Amino acid sequence: PGEELRTEISAKFRRESLTAELQAAGFACAGWWTDDESLFSLS
């Protein structure tokens, strides 16, 4: 009773930490955009 089955994680990101992950993989940032409320990003 009360035991859980995890069916999804949905990680949320900060620009600084996401940039660090992409740079570690061998990428350089070429553009960053958000919606009007800065809820979501395209980079």
PDB file of all heavy atoms in Angstrom:
ATOM      1  N   PRO A   1       0.839  -1.208   0.000  1.00  0.00           N
ATOM      2  CA  PRO A   1       0.000   0.000   0.000  1.00  0.00           C
ATOM      3  C   PRO A   1       0.873   1.257   0.000  1.00  0.00           C
ATOM      4  O   PRO A   1       1.798   1.380   0.808  1.00  0.00           O
ATOM      5  CB  PRO A   1      -0.802  -0.117   1.296  1.00  0.00           C
ATOM      6  CG  PRO A   1      -0.818  -1.585   1.598  1.00  0.00           C
ATOM      7  CD  PRO A   1       0.498  -2.119   1.113  1.00  0.00           C
ATOM      8  N   GLY A   2       0.593   2.156  -0.928  1.00  0.00           N
ATOM      9  CA  GLY A   2       1.364   3.390  -1.031  1.00  0.00           C
ATOM     10  C   GLY A   2       2.634   3.284  -1.849  1.00  0.00           C
ATOM     11  O   GLY A   2       3.291   4.296  -2.126  1.00  0.00           O
ATOM     12  N   GLU A   3       3.021   2.060  -2.251  1.00  0.00           N
ATOM     13  CA  GLU A   3       4.236   1.907  -3.068  1.00  0.00           C
ATOM     14  C   GLU A   3       4.001   2.492  -4.455  1.00  0.00           C
ATOM     15  O   GLU A   3       2.898   2.417  -5.000  1.00  0.00           O
ATOM     16  CB  GLU A   3       4.624   0.433  -3.173  1.00  0.00           C
ATOM     17  CG  GLU A   3       5.957   0.223  -3.874  1.00  0.00           C
ATOM     18  CD  GLU A   3       6.390  -1.231  -3.931  1.00  0.00           C
ATOM     19  OE1 GLU A   3       5.656  -2.099  -3.390  1.00  0.00           O
ATOM     20  OE2 GLU A   3       7.448  -1.507  -4.521  1.00  0.00           O
ATOM     21  N   GLU A   4       5.061   3.046  -5.042  1.00  0.00           N
ATOM     22  CA  GLU A   4       4.915   3.784  -6.296  1.00  0.00           C
ATOM     23  C   GLU A   4       5.737   3.170  -7.423  1.00  0.00           C
ATOM     24  O   GLU A   4       6.812   2.587  -7.202  1.00  0.00           O
ATOM     25  CB  GLU A   4       5.333   5.242  -6.095  1.00  0.00           C
ATOM     26  CG  GLU A   4       4.404   5.978  -5.128  1.00  0.00           C
ATOM     27  CD  GLU A   4       4.864   7.372  -4.820  1.00  0.00           C
ATOM     28  OE1 GLU A   4       6.078   7.644  -4.950  1.00  0.00           O
ATOM     29  OE2 GLU A   4       4.022   8.208  -4.429  1.00  0.00           O
ATOM     30  N   LEU A   5       5.206   3.315  -8.618  1.00  0.00           N
ATOM     31  CA  LEU A   5       5.892   2.971  -9.857  1.00  0.00           C
ATOM     32  C   LEU A   5       6.192   4.279 -10.575  1.00  0.00           C
ATOM     33  O   LEU A   5       5.271   5.012 -10.952  1.00  0.00           O
ATOM     34  CB  LEU A   5       5.000   2.083 -10.733  1.00  0.00           C
ATOM     35  CG  LEU A   5       5.456   1.828 -12.172  1.00  0.00           C
ATOM     36  CD1 LEU A   5       6.724   0.985 -12.198  1.00  0.00           C
ATOM     37  CD2 LEU A   5       4.338   1.138 -12.974  1.00  0.00           C
ATOM     38  N   ARG A   6       7.469   4.612 -10.765  1.00  0.00           N
ATOM     39  CA  ARG A   6       7.816   5.832 -11.478  1.00  0.00           C
ATOM     40  C   ARG A   6       7.695   5.588 -12.987  1.00  0.00           C
ATOM     41  O   ARG A   6       8.311   4.662 -13.514  1.00  0.00           O
ATOM     42  CB  ARG A   6       9.243   6.276 -11.142  1.00  0.00           C
ATOM     43  CG  ARG A   6       9.563   7.678 -11.654  1.00  0.00           C
ATOM     44  CD  ARG A   6      10.977   8.092 -11.318  1.00  0.00           C
ATOM     45  NE  ARG A   6      11.937   7.464 -12.211  1.00  0.00           N
ATOM     46  CZ  ARG A   6      13.247   7.657 -12.141  1.00  0.00           C
ATOM     47  NH1 ARG A   6      13.747   8.429 -11.192  1.00  0.00           N
ATOM     48  NH2 ARG A   6      14.058   7.061 -12.993  1.00  0.00           N
ATOM     49  N   THR A   7       6.932   6.421 -13.655  1.00  0.00           N
ATOM     50  CA  THR A   7       6.692   6.236 -15.079  1.00  0.00           C
ATOM     51  C   THR A   7       7.367   7.298 -15.942  1.00  0.00           C
ATOM     52  O   THR A   7       7.455   7.131 -17.160  1.00  0.00           O
ATOM     53  CB  THR A   7       5.179   6.254 -15.371  1.00  0.00           C
ATOM     54  OG1 THR A   7       4.599   7.435 -14.798  1.00  0.00           O
ATOM     55  CG2 THR A   7       4.503   5.023 -14.774  1.00  0.00           C
ATOM     56  N   GLU A   8       7.827   8.392 -15.336  1.00  0.00           N
ATOM     57  CA  GLU A   8       8.514   9.420 -16.129  1.00  0.00           C
ATOM     58  C   GLU A   8       9.258  10.366 -15.203  1.00  0.00           C
ATOM     59  O   GLU A   8       8.796  10.682 -14.115  1.00  0.00           O
ATOM     60  CB  GLU A   8       7.509  10.224 -16.956  1.00  0.00           C
ATOM     61  CG  GLU A   8       8.170  11.290 -17.852  1.00  0.00           C
ATOM     62  CD  GLU A   8       7.150  12.094 -18.651  1.00  0.00           C
ATOM     63  OE1 GLU A   8       6.272  12.732 -18.031  1.00  0.00           O
ATOM     64  OE2 GLU A   8       7.240  12.081 -19.882  1.00  0.00           O
ATOM     65  N   ILE A   9      10.430  10.802 -15.669  1.00  0.00           N
ATOM     66  CA  ILE A   9      11.019  12.020 -15.121  1.00  0.00           C
ATOM     67  C   ILE A   9      10.986  13.058 -16.233  1.00  0.00           C
ATOM     68  O   ILE A   9      11.043  12.736 -17.417  1.00  0.00           O
ATOM     69  CB  ILE A   9      12.463  11.820 -14.612  1.00  0.00           C
ATOM     70  CG1 ILE A   9      13.422  11.562 -15.773  1.00  0.00           C
ATOM     71  CG2 ILE A   9      12.535  10.740 -13.570  1.00  0.00           C
ATOM     72  CD1 ILE A   9      14.864  11.802 -15.419  1.00  0.00           C
ATOM     73  N   SER A  10      10.855  14.308 -15.843  1.00  0.00           N
ATOM     74  CA  SER A  10      10.924  15.403 -16.802  1.00  0.00           C
ATOM     75  C   SER A  10      11.796  16.494 -16.185  1.00  0.00           C
ATOM     76  O   SER A  10      11.324  17.323 -15.412  1.00  0.00           O
ATOM     77  CB  SER A  10       9.526  15.935 -17.132  1.00  0.00           C
ATOM     78  OG  SER A  10       9.592  16.930 -18.137  1.00  0.00           O
ATOM     79  N   ALA A  11      13.088  16.443 -16.519  1.00  0.00           N
ATOM     80  CA  ALA A  11      14.050  17.378 -15.946  1.00  0.00           C
ATOM     81  C   ALA A  11      13.822  18.778 -16.505  1.00  0.00           C
ATOM     82  O   ALA A  11      13.454  18.958 -17.668  1.00  0.00           O
ATOM     83  CB  ALA A  11      15.472  16.918 -16.244  1.00  0.00           C
ATOM     84  N   LYS A  12      14.037  19.760 -15.656  1.00  0.00           N
ATOM     85  CA  LYS A  12      13.963  21.162 -16.032  1.00  0.00           C
ATOM     86  C   LYS A  12      15.369  21.752 -15.923  1.00  0.00           C
ATOM     87  O   LYS A  12      16.184  21.307 -15.111  1.00  0.00           O
ATOM     88  CB  LYS A  12      12.983  21.925 -15.136  1.00  0.00           C
ATOM     89  CG  LYS A  12      11.621  21.224 -15.009  1.00  0.00           C
ATOM     90  CD  LYS A  12      10.956  20.976 -16.344  1.00  0.00           C
ATOM     91  CE  LYS A  12       9.730  20.097 -16.231  1.00  0.00           C
ATOM     92  NZ  LYS A  12       9.168  19.719 -17.536  1.00  0.00           N
ATOM     93  N   PHE A  13      15.665  22.750 -16.725  1.00  0.00           N
ATOM     94  CA  PHE A  13      17.044  23.189 -16.890  1.00  0.00           C
ATOM     95  C   PHE A  13      17.205  24.678 -16.603  1.00  0.00           C
ATOM     96  O   PHE A  13      16.262  25.459 -16.709  1.00  0.00           O
ATOM     97  CB  PHE A  13      17.520  22.891 -18.317  1.00  0.00           C
ATOM     98  CG  PHE A  13      17.510  21.433 -18.660  1.00  0.00           C
ATOM     99  CD1 PHE A  13      16.387  20.840 -19.226  1.00  0.00           C
ATOM    100  CD2 PHE A  13      18.610  20.632 -18.389  1.00  0.00           C
ATOM    101  CE1 PHE A  13      16.362  19.486 -19.532  1.00  0.00           C
ATOM    102  CE2 PHE A  13      18.593  19.275 -18.684  1.00  0.00           C
ATOM    103  CZ  PHE A  13      17.476  18.701 -19.260  1.00  0.00           C
ATOM    104  N   ARG A  14      18.412  25.035 -16.247  1.00  0.00           N
ATOM    105  CA  ARG A  14      18.853  26.422 -16.156  1.00  0.00           C
ATOM    106  C   ARG A  14      19.852  26.657 -17.286  1.00  0.00           C
ATOM    107  O   ARG A  14      20.590  25.744 -17.666  1.00  0.00           O
ATOM    108  CB  ARG A  14      19.503  26.709 -14.804  1.00  0.00           C
ATOM    109  CG  ARG A  14      18.556  26.456 -13.625  1.00  0.00           C
ATOM    110  CD  ARG A  14      19.239  26.706 -12.301  1.00  0.00           C
ATOM    111  NE  ARG A  14      18.368  26.313 -11.189  1.00  0.00           N
ATOM    112  CZ  ARG A  14      17.496  27.120 -10.618  1.00  0.00           C
ATOM    113  NH1 ARG A  14      17.387  28.379 -11.031  1.00  0.00           N
ATOM    114  NH2 ARG A  14      16.745  26.693  -9.614  1.00  0.00           N
ATOM    115  N   ARG A  15      19.883  27.862 -17.809  1.00  0.00           N
ATOM    116  CA  ARG A  15      20.749  28.117 -18.957  1.00  0.00           C
ATOM    117  C   ARG A  15      22.208  27.772 -18.652  1.00  0.00           C
ATOM    118  O   ARG A  15      22.903  27.170 -19.490  1.00  0.00           O
ATOM    119  CB  ARG A  15      20.623  29.582 -19.400  1.00  0.00           C
ATOM    120  CG  ARG A  15      21.463  29.895 -20.629  1.00  0.00           C
ATOM    121  CD  ARG A  15      21.185  31.279 -21.185  1.00  0.00           C
ATOM    122  NE  ARG A  15      21.967  31.510 -22.388  1.00  0.00           N
ATOM    123  CZ  ARG A  15      21.859  32.588 -23.166  1.00  0.00           C
ATOM    124  NH1 ARG A  15      20.975  33.534 -22.853  1.00  0.00           N
ATOM    125  NH2 ARG A  15      22.606  32.725 -24.239  1.00  0.00           N
ATOM    126  N   GLU A  16      22.666  28.121 -17.475  1.00  0.00           N
ATOM    127  CA  GLU A  16      24.069  27.899 -17.138  1.00  0.00           C
ATOM    128  C   GLU A  16      24.409  26.411 -17.106  1.00  0.00           C
ATOM    129  O   GLU A  16      25.442  25.984 -17.648  1.00  0.00           O
ATOM    130  CB  GLU A  16      24.400  28.539 -15.789  1.00  0.00           C
ATOM    131  CG  GLU A  16      24.251  30.055 -15.759  1.00  0.00           C
ATOM    132  CD  GLU A  16      22.786  30.504 -15.641  1.00  0.00           C
ATOM    133  OE1 GLU A  16      21.907  29.654 -15.401  1.00  0.00           O
ATOM    134  OE2 GLU A  16      22.535  31.719 -15.790  1.00  0.00           O
ATOM    135  N   SER A  17      23.567  25.610 -16.461  1.00  0.00           N
ATOM    136  CA  SER A  17      23.864  24.175 -16.350  1.00  0.00           C
ATOM    137  C   SER A  17      23.708  23.473 -17.696  1.00  0.00           C
ATOM    138  O   SER A  17      24.485  22.569 -18.033  1.00  0.00           O
ATOM    139  CB  SER A  17      22.962  23.530 -15.297  1.00  0.00           C
ATOM    140  OG  SER A  17      21.587  23.691 -15.627  1.00  0.00           O
ATOM    141  N   LEU A  18      22.719  23.883 -18.484  1.00  0.00           N
ATOM    142  CA  LEU A  18      22.545  23.278 -19.802  1.00  0.00           C
ATOM    143  C   LEU A  18      23.740  23.612 -20.696  1.00  0.00           C
ATOM    144  O   LEU A  18      24.249  22.748 -21.426  1.00  0.00           O
ATOM    145  CB  LEU A  18      21.245  23.759 -20.434  1.00  0.00           C
ATOM    146  CG  LEU A  18      20.806  23.026 -21.702  1.00  0.00           C
ATOM    147  CD1 LEU A  18      20.522  21.558 -21.411  1.00  0.00           C
ATOM    148  CD2 LEU A  18      19.578  23.693 -22.313  1.00  0.00           C
ATOM    149  N   THR A  19      24.212  24.848 -20.624  1.00  0.00           N
ATOM    150  CA  THR A  19      25.385  25.242 -21.401  1.00  0.00           C
ATOM    151  C   THR A  19      26.596  24.401 -21.009  1.00  0.00           C
ATOM    152  O   THR A  19      27.354  23.934 -21.883  1.00  0.00           O
ATOM    153  CB  THR A  19      25.691  26.735 -21.185  1.00  0.00           C
ATOM    154  OG1 THR A  19      24.590  27.511 -21.679  1.00  0.00           O
ATOM    155  CG2 THR A  19      26.960  27.155 -21.912  1.00  0.00           C
ATOM    156  N   ALA A  20      26.770  24.156 -19.725  1.00  0.00           N
ATOM    157  CA  ALA A  20      27.901  23.343 -19.269  1.00  0.00           C
ATOM    158  C   ALA A  20      27.819  21.926 -19.821  1.00  0.00           C
ATOM    159  O   ALA A  20      28.835  21.347 -20.244  1.00  0.00           O
ATOM    160  CB  ALA A  20      27.939  23.327 -17.738  1.00  0.00           C
ATOM    161  N   GLU A  21      26.607  21.345 -19.863  1.00  0.00           N
ATOM    162  CA  GLU A  21      26.444  19.990 -20.392  1.00  0.00           C
ATOM    163  C   GLU A  21      26.765  19.938 -21.880  1.00  0.00           C
ATOM    164  O   GLU A  21      27.426  19.007 -22.356  1.00  0.00           O
ATOM    165  CB  GLU A  21      25.021  19.486 -20.138  1.00  0.00           C
ATOM    166  CG  GLU A  21      24.711  19.203 -18.688  1.00  0.00           C
ATOM    167  CD  GLU A  21      23.395  18.471 -18.511  1.00  0.00           C
ATOM    168  OE1 GLU A  21      23.073  17.600 -19.345  1.00  0.00           O
ATOM    169  OE2 GLU A  21      22.685  18.770 -17.537  1.00  0.00           O
ATOM    170  N   LEU A  22      26.291  20.932 -22.638  1.00  0.00           N
ATOM    171  CA  LEU A  22      26.540  20.940 -24.080  1.00  0.00           C
ATOM    172  C   LEU A  22      28.004  21.220 -24.391  1.00  0.00           C
ATOM    173  O   LEU A  22      28.587  20.618 -25.304  1.00  0.00           O
ATOM    174  CB  LEU A  22      25.638  21.972 -24.756  1.00  0.00           C
ATOM    175  CG  LEU A  22      24.252  21.523 -25.246  1.00  0.00           C
ATOM    176  CD1 LEU A  22      24.355  20.528 -26.394  1.00  0.00           C
ATOM    177  CD2 LEU A  22      23.400  20.970 -24.136  1.00  0.00           C
ATOM    178  N   GLN A  23      28.626  22.094 -23.639  1.00  0.00           N
ATOM    179  CA  GLN A  23      30.046  22.353 -23.849  1.00  0.00           C
ATOM    180  C   GLN A  23      30.882  21.118 -23.540  1.00  0.00           C
ATOM    181  O   GLN A  23      31.852  20.824 -24.245  1.00  0.00           O
ATOM    182  CB  GLN A  23      30.491  23.544 -22.997  1.00  0.00           C
ATOM    183  CG  GLN A  23      29.972  24.878 -23.503  1.00  0.00           C
ATOM    184  CD  GLN A  23      30.374  26.049 -22.622  1.00  0.00           C
ATOM    185  OE1 GLN A  23      30.739  25.868 -21.449  1.00  0.00           O
ATOM    186  NE2 GLN A  23      30.304  27.253 -23.163  1.00  0.00           N
ATOM    187  N   ALA A  24      30.505  20.390 -22.495  1.00  0.00           N
ATOM    188  CA  ALA A  24      31.229  19.159 -22.154  1.00  0.00           C
ATOM    189  C   ALA A  24      31.128  18.127 -23.266  1.00  0.00           C
ATOM    190  O   ALA A  24      32.038  17.309 -23.457  1.00  0.00           O
ATOM    191  CB  ALA A  24      30.693  18.584 -20.840  1.00  0.00           C
ATOM    192  N   ALA A  25      30.023  18.173 -24.025  1.00  0.00           N
ATOM    193  CA  ALA A  25      29.834  17.229 -25.136  1.00  0.00           C
ATOM    194  C   ALA A  25      30.518  17.698 -26.414  1.00  0.00           C
ATOM    195  O   ALA A  25      30.554  16.944 -27.395  1.00  0.00           O
ATOM    196  CB  ALA A  25      28.345  17.034 -25.395  1.00  0.00           C
ATOM    197  N   GLY A  26      31.039  18.920 -26.434  1.00  0.00           N
ATOM    198  CA  GLY A  26      31.753  19.397 -27.606  1.00  0.00           C
ATOM    199  C   GLY A  26      30.991  20.381 -28.464  1.00  0.00           C
ATOM    200  O   GLY A  26      31.243  20.482 -29.673  1.00  0.00           O
ATOM    201  N   PHE A  27      30.073  21.149 -27.863  1.00  0.00           N
ATOM    202  CA  PHE A  27      29.280  22.129 -28.599  1.00  0.00           C
ATOM    203  C   PHE A  27      29.583  23.546 -28.097  1.00  0.00           C
ATOM    204  O   PHE A  27      29.932  23.744 -26.930  1.00  0.00           O
ATOM    205  CB  PHE A  27      27.782  21.861 -28.414  1.00  0.00           C
ATOM    206  CG  PHE A  27      27.275  20.639 -29.125  1.00  0.00           C
ATOM    207  CD1 PHE A  27      27.136  19.432 -28.446  1.00  0.00           C
ATOM    208  CD2 PHE A  27      26.919  20.700 -30.465  1.00  0.00           C
ATOM    209  CE1 PHE A  27      26.647  18.308 -29.097  1.00  0.00           C
ATOM    210  CE2 PHE A  27      26.434  19.582 -31.119  1.00  0.00           C
ATOM    211  CZ  PHE A  27      26.298  18.385 -30.439  1.00  0.00           C
ATOM    212  N   ALA A  28      29.379  24.508 -29.001  1.00  0.00           N
ATOM    213  CA  ALA A  28      29.442  25.919 -28.646  1.00  0.00           C
ATOM    214  C   ALA A  28      28.080  26.545 -28.912  1.00  0.00           C
ATOM    215  O   ALA A  28      27.431  26.226 -29.923  1.00  0.00           O
ATOM    216  CB  ALA A  28      30.514  26.631 -29.473  1.00  0.00           C
ATOM    217  N   CYS A  29      27.630  27.407 -28.021  1.00  0.00           N
ATOM    218  CA  CYS A  29      26.303  27.996 -28.170  1.00  0.00           C
ATOM    219  C   CYS A  29      26.278  28.959 -29.349  1.00  0.00           C
ATOM    220  O   CYS A  29      27.149  29.818 -29.498  1.00  0.00           O
ATOM    221  CB  CYS A  29      25.894  28.726 -26.891  1.00  0.00           C
ATOM    222  SG  CYS A  29      24.158  29.249 -26.898  1.00  0.00           S
ATOM    223  N   ALA A  30      25.240  28.800 -30.203  1.00  0.00           N
ATOM    224  CA  ALA A  30      25.077  29.662 -31.373  1.00  0.00           C
ATOM    225  C   ALA A  30      23.753  30.413 -31.353  1.00  0.00           C
ATOM    226  O   ALA A  30      23.440  31.134 -32.303  1.00  0.00           O
ATOM    227  CB  ALA A  30      25.182  28.824 -32.654  1.00  0.00           C
ATOM    228  N   GLY A  31      22.964  30.246 -30.282  1.00  0.00           N
ATOM    229  CA  GLY A  31      21.696  30.960 -30.194  1.00  0.00           C
ATOM    230  C   GLY A  31      20.860  30.445 -29.038  1.00  0.00           C
ATOM    231  O   GLY A  31      20.905  29.250 -28.714  1.00  0.00           O
ATOM    232  N   TRP A  32      20.116  31.342 -28.420  1.00  0.00           N
ATOM    233  CA  TRP A  32      19.250  30.982 -27.278  1.00  0.00           C
ATOM    234  C   TRP A  32      17.979  31.811 -27.375  1.00  0.00           C
ATOM    235  O   TRP A  32      18.036  33.040 -27.503  1.00  0.00           O
ATOM    236  CB  TRP A  32      19.979  31.261 -25.968  1.00  0.00           C
ATOM    237  CG  TRP A  32      19.175  30.976 -24.738  1.00  0.00           C
ATOM    238  CD1 TRP A  32      18.282  31.799 -24.113  1.00  0.00           C
ATOM    239  CD2 TRP A  32      19.189  29.764 -23.966  1.00  0.00           C
ATOM    240  NE1 TRP A  32      17.735  31.185 -23.013  1.00  0.00           N
ATOM    241  CE2 TRP A  32      18.274  29.934 -22.900  1.00  0.00           C
ATOM    242  CE3 TRP A  32      19.883  28.562 -24.085  1.00  0.00           C
ATOM    243  CZ2 TRP A  32      18.046  28.946 -21.949  1.00  0.00           C
ATOM    244  CZ3 TRP A  32      19.654  27.575 -23.139  1.00  0.00           C
ATOM    245  CH2 TRP A  32      18.748  27.761 -22.087  1.00  0.00           C
ATOM    246  N   TRP A  33      16.822  31.141 -27.342  1.00  0.00           N
ATOM    247  CA  TRP A  33      15.541  31.827 -27.454  1.00  0.00           C
ATOM    248  C   TRP A  33      14.577  31.272 -26.405  1.00  0.00           C
ATOM    249  O   TRP A  33      14.621  30.083 -26.076  1.00  0.00           O
ATOM    250  CB  TRP A  33      14.918  31.617 -28.835  1.00  0.00           C
ATOM    251  CG  TRP A  33      15.768  32.098 -29.975  1.00  0.00           C
ATOM    252  CD1 TRP A  33      15.763  33.325 -30.561  1.00  0.00           C
ATOM    253  CD2 TRP A  33      16.759  31.330 -30.693  1.00  0.00           C
ATOM    254  NE1 TRP A  33      16.677  33.384 -31.595  1.00  0.00           N
ATOM    255  CE2 TRP A  33      17.297  32.175 -31.693  1.00  0.00           C
ATOM    256  CE3 TRP A  33      17.238  30.018 -30.581  1.00  0.00           C
ATOM    257  CZ2 TRP A  33      18.287  31.755 -32.580  1.00  0.00           C
ATOM    258  CZ3 TRP A  33      18.232  29.586 -31.450  1.00  0.00           C
ATOM    259  CH2 TRP A  33      18.753  30.457 -32.427  1.00  0.00           C
ATOM    260  N   THR A  34      13.695  32.140 -25.909  1.00  0.00           N
ATOM    261  CA  THR A  34      12.633  31.687 -25.014  1.00  0.00           C
ATOM    262  C   THR A  34      11.310  32.297 -25.472  1.00  0.00           C
ATOM    263  O   THR A  34      11.277  33.201 -26.313  1.00  0.00           O
ATOM    264  CB  THR A  34      12.888  32.098 -23.548  1.00  0.00           C
ATOM    265  OG1 THR A  34      12.805  33.514 -23.430  1.00  0.00           O
ATOM    266  CG2 THR A  34      14.240  31.603 -23.064  1.00  0.00           C
ATOM    267  N   ASP A  35      10.233  31.787 -24.907  1.00  0.00           N
ATOM    268  CA  ASP A  35       8.908  32.365 -25.136  1.00  0.00           C
ATOM    269  C   ASP A  35       8.779  33.660 -24.354  1.00  0.00           C
ATOM    270  O   ASP A  35       9.701  34.066 -23.634  1.00  0.00           O
ATOM    271  CB  ASP A  35       7.838  31.364 -24.701  1.00  0.00           C
ATOM    272  CG  ASP A  35       7.980  31.001 -23.226  1.00  0.00           C
ATOM    273  OD1 ASP A  35       8.887  30.205 -22.889  1.00  0.00           O
ATOM    274  OD2 ASP A  35       7.220  31.538 -22.406  1.00  0.00           O
ATOM    275  N   ASP A  36       7.629  34.299 -24.479  1.00  0.00           N
ATOM    276  CA  ASP A  36       7.420  35.609 -23.846  1.00  0.00           C
ATOM    277  C   ASP A  36       7.564  35.575 -22.328  1.00  0.00           C
ATOM    278  O   ASP A  36       7.964  36.563 -21.711  1.00  0.00           O
ATOM    279  CB  ASP A  36       6.033  36.159 -24.202  1.00  0.00           C
ATOM    280  CG  ASP A  36       5.921  36.551 -25.667  1.00  0.00           C
ATOM    281  OD1 ASP A  36       6.976  36.776 -26.296  1.00  0.00           O
ATOM    282  OD2 ASP A  36       4.780  36.624 -26.171  1.00  0.00           O
ATOM    283  N   GLU A  37       7.239  34.428 -21.706  1.00  0.00           N
ATOM    284  CA  GLU A  37       7.292  34.328 -20.244  1.00  0.00           C
ATOM    285  C   GLU A  37       8.544  33.620 -19.745  1.00  0.00           C
ATOM    286  O   GLU A  37       8.670  33.371 -18.545  1.00  0.00           O
ATOM    287  CB  GLU A  37       6.044  33.604 -19.730  1.00  0.00           C
ATOM    288  CG  GLU A  37       4.740  34.303 -20.051  1.00  0.00           C
ATOM    289  CD  GLU A  37       3.538  33.506 -19.589  1.00  0.00           C
ATOM    290  OE1 GLU A  37       3.244  33.537 -18.373  1.00  0.00           O
ATOM    291  OE2 GLU A  37       2.902  32.848 -20.438  1.00  0.00           O
ATOM    292  N   SER A  38       9.450  33.267 -20.666  1.00  0.00           N
ATOM    293  CA  SER A  38      10.699  32.564 -20.312  1.00  0.00           C
ATOM    294  C   SER A  38      10.432  31.259 -19.572  1.00  0.00           C
ATOM    295  O   SER A  38      11.137  30.899 -18.623  1.00  0.00           O
ATOM    296  CB  SER A  38      11.619  33.475 -19.473  1.00  0.00           C
ATOM    297  OG  SER A  38      12.015  34.594 -20.224  1.00  0.00           O
ATOM    298  N   LEU A  39       9.414  30.538 -20.029  1.00  0.00           N
ATOM    299  CA  LEU A  39       9.087  29.232 -19.450  1.00  0.00           C
ATOM    300  C   LEU A  39       9.850  28.099 -20.136  1.00  0.00           C
ATOM    301  O   LEU A  39      10.136  27.074 -19.506  1.00  0.00           O
ATOM    302  CB  LEU A  39       7.579  28.967 -19.575  1.00  0.00           C
ATOM    303  CG  LEU A  39       6.645  29.955 -18.879  1.00  0.00           C
ATOM    304  CD1 LEU A  39       5.189  29.591 -19.151  1.00  0.00           C
ATOM    305  CD2 LEU A  39       6.909  29.997 -17.377  1.00  0.00           C
ATOM    306  N   PHE A  40      10.171  28.280 -21.412  1.00  0.00           N
ATOM    307  CA  PHE A  40      10.725  27.202 -22.238  1.00  0.00           C
ATOM    308  C   PHE A  40      11.841  27.781 -23.098  1.00  0.00           C
ATOM    309  O   PHE A  40      11.843  28.979 -23.399  1.00  0.00           O
ATOM    310  CB  PHE A  40       9.616  26.620 -23.130  1.00  0.00           C
ATOM    311  CG  PHE A  40       9.934  25.295 -23.746  1.00  0.00           C
ATOM    312  CD1 PHE A  40       9.582  24.116 -23.105  1.00  0.00           C
ATOM    313  CD2 PHE A  40      10.598  25.213 -24.969  1.00  0.00           C
ATOM    314  CE1 PHE A  40       9.881  22.879 -23.668  1.00  0.00           C
ATOM    315  CE2 PHE A  40      10.900  23.989 -25.533  1.00  0.00           C
ATOM    316  CZ  PHE A  40      10.541  22.817 -24.882  1.00  0.00           C
ATOM    317  N   SER A  41      12.788  26.921 -23.494  1.00  0.00           N
ATOM    318  CA  SER A  41      13.911  27.399 -24.299  1.00  0.00           C
ATOM    319  C   SER A  41      14.087  26.570 -25.563  1.00  0.00           C
ATOM    320  O   SER A  41      13.814  25.370 -25.585  1.00  0.00           O
ATOM    321  CB  SER A  41      15.208  27.346 -23.490  1.00  0.00           C
ATOM    322  OG  SER A  41      15.626  26.000 -23.305  1.00  0.00           O
ATOM    323  N   LEU A  42      14.541  27.240 -26.602  1.00  0.00           N
ATOM    324  CA  LEU A  42      15.135  26.601 -27.770  1.00  0.00           C
ATOM    325  C   LEU A  42      16.554  27.127 -27.866  1.00  0.00           C
ATOM    326  O   LEU A  42      16.774  28.349 -27.776  1.00  0.00           O
ATOM    327  CB  LEU A  42      14.383  26.957 -29.057  1.00  0.00           C
ATOM    328  CG  LEU A  42      13.290  26.036 -29.561  1.00  0.00           C
ATOM    329  CD1 LEU A  42      12.775  26.525 -30.910  1.00  0.00           C
ATOM    330  CD2 LEU A  42      13.750  24.593 -29.678  1.00  0.00           C
ATOM    331  N   SER A  43      17.510  26.250 -28.014  1.00  0.00           N
ATOM    332  CA  SER A  43      18.898  26.692 -28.111  1.00  0.00           C
ATOM    333  C   SER A  43      19.575  26.010 -29.285  1.00  0.00           C
ATOM    334  O   SER A  43      19.292  24.864 -29.610  1.00  0.00           O
ATOM    335  CB  SER A  43      19.660  26.420 -26.810  1.00  0.00           C
ATOM    336  OG  SER A  43      19.517  25.071 -26.402  1.00  0.00           O
TER     337      SER A  43
END
